[in-house]
Amino acid sequence: MQSYKIAVLAGDGIGPEVMQEAVRVLAVVQKRFSFQLELTEARVGGAAIDHDGEALPPRTVEVCEQSEAILFGSVGGPKWEALPPNQQPERAALLPLRKHFQLFANLRPAVCFPNLTHASPVKEELIAGGFNVLCVRELTGGLYFGQPKGTHMENGEAVAVDTMIYKQSEIERIAHIAFKAAQGRSKKLTSIDKANVLENGVLWRKTVTALSSQYPDVRLNHLYVDNAAMQLIRDPRGFDVVLAENLFGDILSDEMAMITGSLGMLPSASLGTKELASGRFGLFEPSGGTAPDIAGKGIANPIAQILSAAMLLRYSLGQHAAADAIDAAVRTAIDQGFRTGDIYSEGTQRVGTRAMGDAIIAALS
């Protein structure tokens, strides 16, 4: 029986609650599909600051290094906001993990289920039947990491500098991920840039276009980022896979998340340079935050965490059938009318975190 080691970092806020449901789902699918998961829990974020004095303790990094993937919850909250910025959970835990494991490719599916179109702020007639868009975002380059960076005084006033840099090899690396993702979906890829203004946008478009010859089955088109932002509102069903650099991907993936209706439904994957026998090492986490206002109340939506576990199975472990089964079980639970408060509507059944997990596990059976 194939065995895998997984690091489980539940974090703060609603993290432990929704993680518990994801672990329960994983226990079911590993039996059904005959593989074994060795799950090792470790502290991260505010919980680690309180217990270990730092957001990313050495033991947590060691556990991750010994694993084939990381199932991550959420970090941060009001309790730690008074700390210096570089010691706060988000900056002192998640960003170092991305850097340490060279997590260069962020995959964020934006899925609006047919029965949940009412929750979207977009007019229902524009999204009848729902939509399914995958954003592939470059995660380790661009404005967020380019040098020089900083603020200095110049002629008596403050001047802030951020540098946007991309190498051809960085663009090729993330583009390969996007093209391959498109091959497994509807074979359509939309590449985002600002080639009419930015030099790196020109290189981005040129590089992606040249690479497309290796993927003749994928239809490639290009959009300027401002036009893409408009088109995602006008016709989200016109997109399949969206490829973007770091800043543009950050903004557009949040827009995609908003138009689905609830962050509580959306998983994400951050894939690294380390290749495994059946995929890539990665960190898998919900797109939402710690939601401290509802933490401990048993009402948080666990679906994003559960779908993150499905992405882990698919992209790191190559357990596609198990991942597909989880995705289908979530759809079944939604179709049966089960709803946590964030997606509730009249005529459906409002349930808590545990009961939603139960419904998904029942559908798996």
Protein backbone atom coordinates (compact mmCIF):
# COMPACT_ATOMS: atom_id res chain seq x y z
CA MET A 1 0.00 0.00 0.00
CA GLN A 2 1.34 3.42 -0.98
CA SER A 3 2.10 5.60 2.05
CA TYR A 4 2.57 9.38 2.24
CA LYS A 5 3.69 11.79 4.95
CA ILE A 6 1.61 14.97 5.32
CA ALA A 7 2.30 17.94 7.59
CA VAL A 8 -0.90 19.32 9.14
CA LEU A 9 -0.64 22.96 10.25
CA ALA A 10 -4.08 24.02 11.50
CA GLY A 11 -3.05 27.48 12.72
CA ASP A 12 -5.40 29.98 14.32
CA GLY A 13 -9.03 31.07 14.44
CA ILE A 14 -11.31 28.67 12.63
CA GLY A 15 -8.27 26.77 11.35
CA PRO A 16 -8.41 23.88 13.87
CA GLU A 17 -12.19 23.46 13.41
CA VAL A 18 -12.19 23.22 9.62
CA MET A 19 -8.96 21.21 9.60
CA GLN A 20 -10.62 18.57 11.76
CA GLU A 21 -13.24 18.04 9.06
CA ALA A 22 -10.63 17.82 6.30
CA VAL A 23 -8.74 15.18 8.29
CA ARG A 24 -11.96 13.20 8.76
CA VAL A 25 -12.57 13.27 5.01
CA LEU A 26 -9.01 12.16 4.29
CA ALA A 27 -9.46 9.22 6.68
CA VAL A 28 -12.41 8.04 4.59
CA VAL A 29 -10.80 8.36 1.16
CA GLN A 30 -7.54 6.70 2.15
CA LYS A 31 -9.48 3.57 3.10
CA ARG A 32 -11.70 3.69 0.03
CA PHE A 33 -8.80 4.16 -2.41
CA SER A 34 -6.24 1.98 -0.63
CA PHE A 35 -3.44 4.33 0.30
CA GLN A 36 -2.12 5.46 3.66
CA LEU A 37 -1.59 8.97 5.01
CA GLU A 38 0.74 9.61 7.92
CA LEU A 39 -0.44 12.95 9.29
CA THR A 40 1.84 14.92 11.60
CA GLU A 41 0.47 18.01 13.32
CA ALA A 42 2.65 21.04 14.06
CA ARG A 43 2.05 24.53 15.38
CA VAL A 44 2.17 27.62 13.20
CA GLY A 45 1.11 31.27 13.36
CA GLY A 46 -0.31 32.80 16.50
CA ALA A 47 -0.66 29.42 18.20
CA ALA A 48 3.08 28.89 17.73
CA ILE A 49 3.90 32.39 18.98
CA ASP A 50 1.96 31.70 22.18
CA HIS A 51 3.55 28.29 22.77
CA ASP A 52 6.98 28.49 21.15
CA GLY A 53 7.70 32.21 20.99
CA GLU A 54 7.78 32.40 17.18
CA ALA A 55 5.32 31.96 14.33
CA LEU A 56 7.34 29.30 12.51
CA PRO A 57 9.23 27.12 15.00
CA PRO A 58 12.14 24.96 13.79
CA ARG A 59 10.20 21.77 14.57
CA THR A 60 7.38 22.87 12.27
CA VAL A 61 9.83 23.45 9.42
CA GLU A 62 11.40 20.05 10.13
CA VAL A 63 8.01 18.32 10.00
CA CYS A 64 7.29 20.00 6.66
CA GLU A 65 10.68 19.03 5.26
CA GLN A 66 10.02 15.39 6.12
CA SER A 67 6.62 15.45 4.41
CA GLU A 68 5.43 15.26 0.82
CA ALA A 69 2.94 18.10 1.24
CA ILE A 70 1.61 20.61 3.75
CA LEU A 71 -2.07 20.92 4.61
CA PHE A 72 -2.32 24.44 5.99
CA GLY A 73 -5.16 26.15 7.86
CA SER A 74 -5.10 29.88 8.55
CA VAL A 75 -2.92 32.17 10.66
CA GLY A 76 -3.33 35.52 12.38
CA GLY A 77 -5.92 37.44 14.31
CA PRO A 78 -6.45 40.50 16.54
CA LYS A 79 -4.52 38.94 19.42
CA TRP A 80 -1.21 39.33 17.57
CA GLU A 81 -1.81 42.57 15.65
CA ALA A 82 0.17 44.63 18.18
CA LEU A 83 3.36 42.73 17.37
CA PRO A 84 5.95 44.33 15.05
CA PRO A 85 4.94 43.65 11.42
CA ASN A 86 7.78 41.21 10.79
CA GLN A 87 6.72 39.14 13.82
CA GLN A 88 3.03 38.90 13.00
CA PRO A 89 1.76 35.43 12.04
CA GLU A 90 1.02 36.13 8.38
CA ARG A 91 4.42 37.63 7.57
CA ALA A 92 6.49 35.51 9.97
CA ALA A 93 4.98 32.12 9.05
CA LEU A 94 3.37 31.90 5.64
CA LEU A 95 5.85 34.01 3.65
CA PRO A 96 8.91 32.20 5.07
CA LEU A 97 7.30 28.85 4.23
CA ARG A 98 6.79 29.99 0.65
CA LYS A 99 10.40 31.11 0.42
CA HIS A 100 11.89 28.07 2.18
CA PHE A 101 10.11 25.59 -0.08
CA GLN A 102 10.31 27.75 -3.24
CA LEU A 103 6.55 27.69 -3.71
CA PHE A 104 6.43 29.51 -7.03
CA ALA A 105 3.04 28.49 -8.44
CA ASN A 106 -0.24 29.43 -6.77
CA LEU A 107 -3.37 27.68 -8.05
CA ARG A 108 -6.71 29.11 -6.96
CA PRO A 109 -9.90 27.60 -8.35
CA ALA A 110 -12.87 29.96 -8.40
CA VAL A 111 -15.92 27.72 -8.57
CA CYS A 112 -19.50 28.92 -8.36
CA PHE A 113 -21.82 25.94 -8.02
CA PRO A 114 -25.08 26.05 -10.01
CA ASN A 115 -27.09 25.98 -6.77
CA LEU A 116 -25.10 28.86 -5.28
CA THR A 117 -25.30 31.47 -8.05
CA HIS A 118 -27.65 33.49 -5.85
CA ALA A 119 -24.76 34.15 -3.45
CA SER A 120 -22.66 35.86 -6.11
CA PRO A 121 -22.75 39.67 -6.39
CA VAL A 122 -22.80 39.19 -10.18
CA LYS A 123 -26.24 39.15 -11.80
CA GLU A 124 -27.54 35.61 -11.92
CA GLU A 125 -28.34 35.82 -15.63
CA LEU A 126 -24.62 36.32 -16.29
CA ILE A 127 -23.60 33.18 -14.40
CA ALA A 128 -26.54 30.83 -14.93
CA GLY A 129 -25.28 27.30 -14.40
CA GLY A 130 -22.30 28.54 -12.41
CA PHE A 131 -18.69 28.79 -13.53
CA ASN A 132 -15.28 27.24 -12.88
CA VAL A 133 -12.11 29.30 -13.40
CA LEU A 134 -8.58 28.38 -12.31
CA CYS A 135 -6.11 31.20 -11.61
CA VAL A 136 -2.44 30.23 -11.93
CA ARG A 137 -0.39 32.95 -10.22
CA GLU A 138 3.39 33.29 -10.16
CA LEU A 139 4.20 33.55 -6.47
CA THR A 140 7.88 34.33 -5.91
CA GLY A 141 8.75 37.12 -8.37
CA GLY A 142 7.57 40.53 -9.52
CA LEU A 143 6.97 43.63 -7.41
CA TYR A 144 6.68 41.75 -4.14
CA PHE A 145 10.24 40.45 -4.25
CA GLY A 146 12.17 42.63 -6.73
CA GLN A 147 15.14 44.69 -5.60
CA PRO A 148 15.79 47.53 -4.93
CA LYS A 149 12.89 47.96 -2.54
CA GLY A 150 12.40 50.46 0.24
CA THR A 151 11.64 54.03 1.26
CA HIS A 152 14.21 56.80 1.42
CA MET A 153 14.35 60.59 1.57
CA GLU A 154 15.03 62.49 -1.62
CA ASN A 155 15.07 66.31 -1.84
CA GLY A 156 13.26 66.56 1.47
CA GLU A 157 10.44 64.11 0.76
CA ALA A 158 9.85 60.40 1.18
CA VAL A 159 10.26 58.24 -1.92
CA ALA A 160 9.09 54.62 -2.02
CA VAL A 161 10.61 52.17 -4.49
CA ASP A 162 9.38 48.75 -5.58
CA THR A 163 11.00 46.95 -8.49
CA MET A 164 9.17 44.62 -10.85
CA ILE A 165 11.54 42.01 -12.25
CA TYR A 166 10.91 38.81 -14.18
CA LYS A 167 13.38 36.47 -15.81
CA GLN A 168 12.39 34.51 -18.89
CA SER A 169 13.01 31.27 -16.99
CA GLU A 170 10.58 32.33 -14.23
CA ILE A 171 7.88 33.04 -16.80
CA GLU A 172 8.48 29.74 -18.57
CA ARG A 173 8.31 27.84 -15.28
CA ILE A 174 4.89 29.17 -14.30
CA ALA A 175 3.58 29.03 -17.87
CA HIS A 176 4.31 25.29 -18.08
CA ILE A 177 2.15 24.80 -14.96
CA ALA A 178 -0.70 26.80 -16.53
CA PHE A 179 -0.55 25.05 -19.90
CA LYS A 180 -0.56 21.62 -18.25
CA ALA A 181 -3.49 22.66 -16.06
CA ALA A 182 -5.38 23.79 -19.16
CA GLN A 183 -4.70 20.45 -20.84
CA GLY A 184 -6.54 18.74 -17.98
CA ARG A 185 -9.51 21.08 -18.22
CA SER A 186 -11.11 22.80 -21.25
CA LYS A 187 -7.82 23.45 -23.06
CA LYS A 188 -8.15 27.22 -22.95
CA LEU A 189 -5.55 29.54 -21.40
CA THR A 190 -5.79 33.30 -20.94
CA SER A 191 -2.47 35.00 -20.16
CA ILE A 192 -2.61 38.35 -18.35
CA ASP A 193 -0.08 41.15 -18.76
CA LYS A 194 0.28 44.90 -19.28
CA ALA A 195 2.44 44.68 -22.39
CA ASN A 196 1.24 48.07 -23.65
CA VAL A 197 2.98 49.80 -20.72
CA LEU A 198 5.42 47.48 -18.94
CA GLU A 199 8.67 46.02 -20.30
CA ASN A 200 8.23 42.86 -18.27
CA GLY A 201 4.75 42.60 -19.77
CA VAL A 202 6.30 42.53 -23.23
CA LEU A 203 8.67 39.75 -22.14
CA TRP A 204 5.81 37.91 -20.43
CA ARG A 205 3.64 37.88 -23.57
CA LYS A 206 6.55 36.98 -25.87
CA THR A 207 7.66 34.11 -23.62
CA VAL A 208 4.19 32.63 -23.12
CA THR A 209 3.46 32.86 -26.85
CA ALA A 210 6.70 31.07 -27.74
CA LEU A 211 5.98 28.35 -25.20
CA SER A 212 2.50 27.73 -26.61
CA SER A 213 4.01 25.82 -29.55
CA GLN A 214 4.74 22.99 -27.08
CA TYR A 215 1.02 22.79 -26.24
CA PRO A 216 -0.77 22.82 -29.62
CA ASP A 217 -3.96 21.44 -28.05
CA VAL A 218 -4.37 24.52 -25.81
CA ARG A 219 -5.99 27.69 -27.17
CA LEU A 220 -4.01 30.70 -25.94
CA ASN A 221 -5.21 34.28 -25.79
CA HIS A 222 -3.83 37.39 -24.10
CA LEU A 223 -5.59 40.15 -22.14
CA TYR A 224 -4.34 43.33 -20.53
CA VAL A 225 -4.98 43.13 -16.80
CA ASP A 226 -7.48 46.01 -16.71
CA ASN A 227 -9.55 44.43 -19.49
CA ALA A 228 -9.36 41.05 -17.75
CA ALA A 229 -10.76 42.58 -14.55
CA MET A 230 -13.75 43.87 -16.52
CA GLN A 231 -14.32 40.68 -18.49
CA LEU A 232 -14.32 38.56 -15.32
CA ILE A 233 -17.35 40.53 -14.15
CA ARG A 234 -19.05 40.65 -17.55
CA ASP A 235 -18.60 36.99 -18.47
CA PRO A 236 -16.74 34.76 -15.98
CA ARG A 237 -17.89 31.70 -17.93
CA GLY A 238 -15.70 32.87 -20.80
CA PHE A 239 -12.56 31.92 -18.82
CA ASP A 240 -11.05 28.54 -18.02
CA VAL A 241 -7.41 28.89 -16.89
CA VAL A 242 -5.96 32.35 -16.18
CA LEU A 243 -2.17 32.84 -16.00
CA ALA A 244 -0.80 35.94 -14.28
CA GLU A 245 2.29 37.34 -12.63
CA ASN A 246 2.37 37.92 -8.87
CA LEU A 247 0.63 41.29 -8.43
CA PHE A 248 -1.95 40.83 -11.19
CA GLY A 249 -2.67 37.30 -9.99
CA ASP A 250 -3.10 38.47 -6.42
CA ILE A 251 -5.72 41.04 -7.45
CA LEU A 252 -7.56 38.96 -10.05
CA SER A 253 -7.75 35.81 -7.91
CA ASP A 254 -9.39 37.85 -5.14
CA GLU A 255 -11.86 39.23 -7.66
CA MET A 256 -12.62 35.69 -8.83
CA ALA A 257 -13.12 34.62 -5.22
CA MET A 258 -15.55 37.46 -4.57
CA ILE A 259 -17.76 36.72 -7.57
CA THR A 260 -18.19 33.09 -6.49
CA GLY A 261 -20.10 34.32 -3.44
CA SER A 262 -18.09 32.95 -0.52
CA LEU A 263 -14.42 32.61 0.40
CA GLY A 264 -15.47 29.67 2.56
CA MET A 265 -15.79 27.57 -0.58
CA LEU A 266 -12.41 28.22 -2.18
CA PRO A 267 -9.22 26.16 -1.78
CA SER A 268 -5.75 26.95 -3.07
CA ALA A 269 -2.46 25.24 -3.81
CA SER A 270 1.08 26.65 -3.78
CA LEU A 271 3.39 24.30 -5.66
CA GLY A 272 7.16 24.26 -5.27
CA THR A 273 10.18 23.43 -7.38
CA LYS A 274 10.61 20.04 -5.68
CA GLU A 275 9.25 17.29 -7.89
CA LEU A 276 7.83 14.11 -6.32
CA ALA A 277 7.19 10.71 -7.83
CA SER A 278 3.61 11.64 -8.59
CA GLY A 279 3.48 15.43 -8.45
CA ARG A 280 5.08 18.46 -6.78
CA PHE A 281 5.66 19.34 -3.16
CA GLY A 282 3.10 21.94 -2.20
CA LEU A 283 1.24 23.85 0.49
CA PHE A 284 -2.55 23.63 0.36
CA GLU A 285 -4.79 26.08 2.18
CA PRO A 286 -8.21 27.76 2.11
CA SER A 287 -8.39 31.14 0.40
CA GLY A 288 -10.17 32.74 3.35
CA GLY A 289 -8.72 33.86 6.67
CA THR A 290 -8.97 32.91 10.33
CA ALA A 291 -12.44 34.49 10.83
CA PRO A 292 -11.82 35.20 14.54
CA ASP A 293 -15.37 36.51 14.97
CA ILE A 294 -16.81 33.00 14.51
CA ALA A 295 -13.88 30.91 15.78
CA GLY A 296 -14.88 28.29 18.32
CA LYS A 297 -18.59 28.52 17.51
CA GLY A 298 -18.74 25.46 15.27
CA ILE A 299 -20.37 27.37 12.40
CA ALA A 300 -17.43 27.91 10.00
CA ASN A 301 -17.63 26.50 6.49
CA PRO A 302 -15.13 23.62 6.19
CA ILE A 303 -15.52 23.16 2.43
CA ALA A 304 -12.50 25.25 1.42
CA GLN A 305 -10.26 23.25 3.76
CA ILE A 306 -11.72 19.96 2.52
CA LEU A 307 -11.25 20.97 -1.11
CA SER A 308 -7.68 22.02 -0.26
CA ALA A 309 -7.11 18.46 0.91
CA ALA A 310 -8.47 17.25 -2.43
CA MET A 311 -6.00 19.51 -4.25
CA LEU A 312 -3.20 18.03 -2.12
CA LEU A 313 -4.19 14.55 -3.22
CA ARG A 314 -4.32 15.61 -6.86
CA TYR A 315 -1.24 17.82 -7.28
CA SER A 316 1.25 16.35 -4.78
CA LEU A 317 0.27 12.70 -4.38
CA GLY A 318 -1.23 11.93 -7.78
CA GLN A 319 -4.32 10.40 -6.14
CA HIS A 320 -6.69 11.80 -8.77
CA ALA A 321 -9.57 9.40 -8.17
CA ALA A 322 -9.65 10.23 -4.46
CA ALA A 323 -9.51 13.96 -5.22
CA ASP A 324 -12.34 13.64 -7.74
CA ALA A 325 -14.41 11.74 -5.18
CA ILE A 326 -14.04 14.54 -2.62
CA ASP A 327 -14.97 17.17 -5.20
CA ALA A 328 -18.04 15.15 -6.17
CA ALA A 329 -19.04 14.63 -2.53
CA VAL A 330 -18.92 18.37 -1.89
CA ARG A 331 -21.14 18.98 -4.92
CA THR A 332 -23.57 16.31 -3.69
CA ALA A 333 -23.80 17.85 -0.22
CA ILE A 334 -24.53 21.24 -1.79
CA ASP A 335 -27.10 19.75 -4.16
CA GLN A 336 -28.79 18.08 -1.18
CA GLY A 337 -29.31 21.51 0.36
CA PHE A 338 -26.76 21.52 3.19
CA ARG A 339 -25.52 25.05 3.90
CA THR A 340 -23.30 26.73 6.47
CA GLY A 341 -24.29 30.29 7.36
CA ASP A 342 -22.09 31.97 4.73
CA ILE A 343 -23.95 30.26 1.85
CA TYR A 344 -27.36 29.80 3.46
CA SER A 345 -30.52 30.80 1.64
CA GLU A 346 -34.21 30.27 2.37
CA GLY A 347 -35.36 26.75 1.67
CA THR A 348 -32.00 25.12 2.42
CA GLN A 349 -30.77 23.40 5.58
CA ARG A 350 -28.46 25.47 7.78
CA VAL A 351 -25.79 23.30 9.40
CA GLY A 352 -22.62 23.78 11.39
CA THR A 353 -19.03 22.81 10.67
CA ARG A 354 -19.31 19.23 11.91
CA ALA A 355 -22.62 18.55 10.21
CA MET A 356 -21.30 19.81 6.88
CA GLY A 357 -18.37 17.43 7.28
CA ASP A 358 -20.84 14.63 8.05
CA ALA A 359 -22.81 15.40 4.89
CA ILE A 360 -19.70 15.27 2.72
CA ILE A 361 -18.53 12.03 4.34
CA ALA A 362 -21.98 10.52 3.79
CA ALA A 363 -21.78 11.47 0.13
CA LEU A 364 -18.36 9.81 -0.09
CA SER A 365 -19.92 6.57 1.09
